[in-house]
Amino acid sequence: MKGISGFSKLSKLEKISWIAKNFLYTSPVEVINEFASYWHDNVESQKAI
């Protein structure tokens, strides 16, 4: 397993991008878009969910 220093300090998008590029080899862009499709439009509502 690949390690990353400071992963917890990355933004949500940076974390998903890192995971997609390092573990999901088929199409990182598609994986990122799929994860993003589940995000709530309102950031404050997303935090509560």
C-alpha atoms as a PDB file:
ATOM      1  CA  MET A   1       0.000   0.000   0.000  1.00  0.00           C
ATOM      2  CA  LYS A   2       1.260   3.464  -0.888  1.00  0.00           C
ATOM      3  CA  GLY A   3       1.570   5.942   1.921  1.00  0.00           C
ATOM      4  CA  ILE A   4       1.001   9.669   1.827  1.00  0.00           C
ATOM      5  CA  SER A   5       2.243  12.219   4.290  1.00  0.00           C
ATOM      6  CA  GLY A   6      -0.319  14.844   5.286  1.00  0.00           C
ATOM      7  CA  PHE A   7      -3.339  13.104   3.739  1.00  0.00           C
ATOM      8  CA  SER A   8      -5.665  14.426   6.455  1.00  0.00           C
ATOM      9  CA  LYS A   9      -4.688  17.996   5.582  1.00  0.00           C
ATOM     10  CA  LEU A  10      -5.713  17.627   1.920  1.00  0.00           C
ATOM     11  CA  SER A  11      -9.041  18.990   0.704  1.00  0.00           C
ATOM     12  CA  LYS A  12     -11.857  16.581  -0.135  1.00  0.00           C
ATOM     13  CA  LEU A  13     -11.143  16.905  -3.860  1.00  0.00           C
ATOM     14  CA  GLU A  14      -7.394  16.427  -3.341  1.00  0.00           C
ATOM     15  CA  LYS A  15      -8.024  13.254  -1.311  1.00  0.00           C
ATOM     16  CA  ILE A  16     -10.333  11.794  -3.945  1.00  0.00           C
ATOM     17  CA  SER A  17      -7.888  12.718  -6.702  1.00  0.00           C
ATOM     18  CA  TRP A  18      -5.019  11.049  -4.846  1.00  0.00           C
ATOM     19  CA  ILE A  19      -7.024   7.861  -4.252  1.00  0.00           C
ATOM     20  CA  ALA A  20      -8.221   7.760  -7.855  1.00  0.00           C
ATOM     21  CA  LYS A  21      -4.722   8.228  -9.261  1.00  0.00           C
ATOM     22  CA  ASN A  22      -3.015   5.762  -6.919  1.00  0.00           C
ATOM     23  CA  PHE A  23      -5.556   2.959  -6.529  1.00  0.00           C
ATOM     24  CA  LEU A  24      -8.188   3.212  -9.255  1.00  0.00           C
ATOM     25  CA  TYR A  25      -6.248   2.822 -12.453  1.00  0.00           C
ATOM     26  CA  THR A  26      -9.041   2.447 -15.010  1.00  0.00           C
ATOM     27  CA  SER A  27     -10.016   6.104 -15.295  1.00  0.00           C
ATOM     28  CA  PRO A  28      -9.178   8.487 -12.450  1.00  0.00           C
ATOM     29  CA  VAL A  29     -11.194  11.319 -14.012  1.00  0.00           C
ATOM     30  CA  GLU A  30     -14.341   9.172 -14.138  1.00  0.00           C
ATOM     31  CA  VAL A  31     -13.848   8.142 -10.511  1.00  0.00           C
ATOM     32  CA  ILE A  32     -13.439  11.759  -9.409  1.00  0.00           C
ATOM     33  CA  ASN A  33     -16.578  12.767 -11.320  1.00  0.00           C
ATOM     34  CA  GLU A  34     -18.528   9.856  -9.806  1.00  0.00           C
ATOM     35  CA  PHE A  35     -17.561  10.850  -6.259  1.00  0.00           C
ATOM     36  CA  ALA A  36     -18.354  14.501  -6.989  1.00  0.00           C
ATOM     37  CA  SER A  37     -21.830  13.567  -8.216  1.00  0.00           C
ATOM     38  CA  TYR A  38     -22.726  12.536  -4.632  1.00  0.00           C
ATOM     39  CA  TRP A  39     -21.712  15.844  -3.070  1.00  0.00           C
ATOM     40  CA  HIS A  40     -24.458  18.107  -1.826  1.00  0.00           C
ATOM     41  CA  ASP A  41     -24.687  21.495  -3.561  1.00  0.00           C
ATOM     42  CA  ASN A  42     -24.782  23.267  -0.208  1.00  0.00           C
ATOM     43  CA  VAL A  43     -21.448  22.819   1.626  1.00  0.00           C
ATOM     44  CA  GLU A  44     -23.009  23.432   5.053  1.00  0.00           C
ATOM     45  CA  SER A  45     -25.661  20.773   4.425  1.00  0.00           C
ATOM     46  CA  GLN A  46     -22.957  18.335   3.319  1.00  0.00           C
ATOM     47  CA  LYS A  47     -21.135  18.814   6.626  1.00  0.00           C
ATOM     48  CA  ALA A  48     -24.288  17.916   8.552  1.00  0.00           C
ATOM     49  CA  ILE A  49     -24.961  14.777   6.540  1.00  0.00           C
END
